[in-house]
Amino acid sequence: MRLQRGEVQGYDFNRMVFEFTMLNQGKVILCAISTAAMDDLDGRRDVKPDQRADQFIRLREVIEERASRKFFEEQAQAERPVVLRSIDFR
């Protein structure tokens, strides 16, 4: 089983994460990916805050696939957001 695509929430400058949602049988799962993880995936470090949404869209498929896998590997601790870090892509 896999989580389904949800909504793009946006960049949280204070937390240095990009937030998005996914769906598990209609239930909203809060997710986030660190900017360091997105930069590692993208192979660049020069991304400006106003470019984060475009970066997320470019990398969305791989980010969502990993968020889904992490959600089910950790056995759906549904009350906690799925937060992806660089180590999650190694």
Protein backbone atom coordinates (compact mmCIF):
# COMPACT_ATOMS: atom_id res chain seq x y z
CA MET A 1 0.00 0.00 0.00
CA ARG A 2 1.07 3.56 -0.60
CA LEU A 3 0.10 6.98 0.64
CA GLN A 4 -1.67 9.16 -1.90
CA ARG A 5 -0.62 12.65 -2.92
CA GLY A 6 -2.00 15.43 -0.78
CA GLU A 7 -1.44 19.17 -0.86
CA VAL A 8 1.64 21.35 -1.03
CA GLN A 9 1.70 23.45 2.15
CA GLY A 10 4.81 25.57 1.59
CA TYR A 11 8.18 26.52 2.98
CA ASP A 12 8.58 27.18 6.71
CA PHE A 13 11.59 29.47 6.95
CA ASN A 14 11.83 29.22 10.76
CA ARG A 15 12.01 25.42 10.75
CA MET A 16 13.94 25.18 7.44
CA VAL A 17 11.49 22.58 6.09
CA PHE A 18 9.09 22.32 3.21
CA GLU A 19 5.67 21.08 4.35
CA PHE A 20 3.21 18.94 2.42
CA THR A 21 0.47 16.43 3.12
CA MET A 22 -0.28 12.92 1.99
CA LEU A 23 -3.38 10.79 2.41
CA ASN A 24 -3.80 7.37 4.01
CA GLN A 25 -7.26 6.05 3.14
CA GLY A 26 -8.58 9.61 3.17
CA LYS A 27 -6.84 10.62 6.41
CA VAL A 28 -4.45 13.58 6.12
CA ILE A 29 -0.84 12.83 7.08
CA LEU A 30 1.33 15.88 7.76
CA CYS A 31 4.77 15.65 6.18
CA ALA A 32 7.88 17.79 5.88
CA ILE A 33 11.29 17.56 4.27
CA SER A 34 14.33 19.47 5.46
CA THR A 35 15.86 21.94 3.07
CA ALA A 36 19.18 20.10 3.51
CA ALA A 37 17.56 16.89 2.27
CA MET A 38 16.05 18.66 -0.75
CA ASP A 39 19.42 20.26 -1.52
CA ASP A 40 21.14 16.87 -1.30
CA LEU A 41 18.56 15.34 -3.66
CA ASP A 42 18.87 18.27 -6.03
CA GLY A 43 22.67 18.36 -5.88
CA ARG A 44 22.80 22.08 -5.13
CA ARG A 45 23.14 24.46 -2.21
CA ASP A 46 22.24 27.80 -3.79
CA VAL A 47 18.44 27.55 -3.54
CA LYS A 48 16.75 30.73 -2.28
CA PRO A 49 13.70 30.60 0.03
CA ASP A 50 11.39 31.82 -2.77
CA GLN A 51 12.61 28.92 -4.98
CA ARG A 52 11.77 26.16 -2.49
CA ALA A 53 8.30 25.45 -3.90
CA ASP A 54 9.73 24.94 -7.39
CA GLN A 55 12.44 22.70 -5.97
CA PHE A 56 9.84 20.62 -4.14
CA ILE A 57 7.72 20.24 -7.30
CA ARG A 58 10.79 19.09 -9.27
CA LEU A 59 11.62 16.47 -6.64
CA ARG A 60 8.06 15.65 -5.61
CA GLU A 61 7.87 12.08 -6.93
CA VAL A 62 10.94 10.85 -5.06
CA ILE A 63 10.05 12.82 -1.90
CA GLU A 64 6.51 11.45 -1.76
CA GLU A 65 7.66 7.90 -2.46
CA ARG A 66 10.12 8.09 0.44
CA ALA A 67 7.56 9.71 2.76
CA SER A 68 5.14 6.88 2.01
CA ARG A 69 7.78 4.24 2.66
CA LYS A 70 8.88 5.90 5.91
CA PHE A 71 5.27 6.18 7.09
CA PHE A 72 4.67 2.44 6.69
CA GLU A 73 8.13 1.42 7.96
CA GLU A 74 7.47 3.28 11.18
CA GLN A 75 4.06 1.63 11.33
CA ALA A 76 1.92 4.66 10.91
CA GLN A 77 2.43 6.69 14.03
CA ALA A 78 -0.44 8.71 12.64
CA GLU A 79 -0.42 11.42 15.26
CA ARG A 80 3.14 12.40 14.33
CA PRO A 81 4.21 14.10 11.12
CA VAL A 82 6.52 12.27 8.73
CA VAL A 83 9.71 14.33 8.64
CA LEU A 84 12.31 13.48 6.02
CA ARG A 85 15.97 14.27 6.50
CA SER A 86 19.03 13.67 4.33
CA ILE A 87 19.69 10.32 6.02
CA ASP A 88 16.30 9.05 4.81
CA PHE A 89 17.57 9.08 1.22
CA ARG A 90 20.81 7.14 1.76
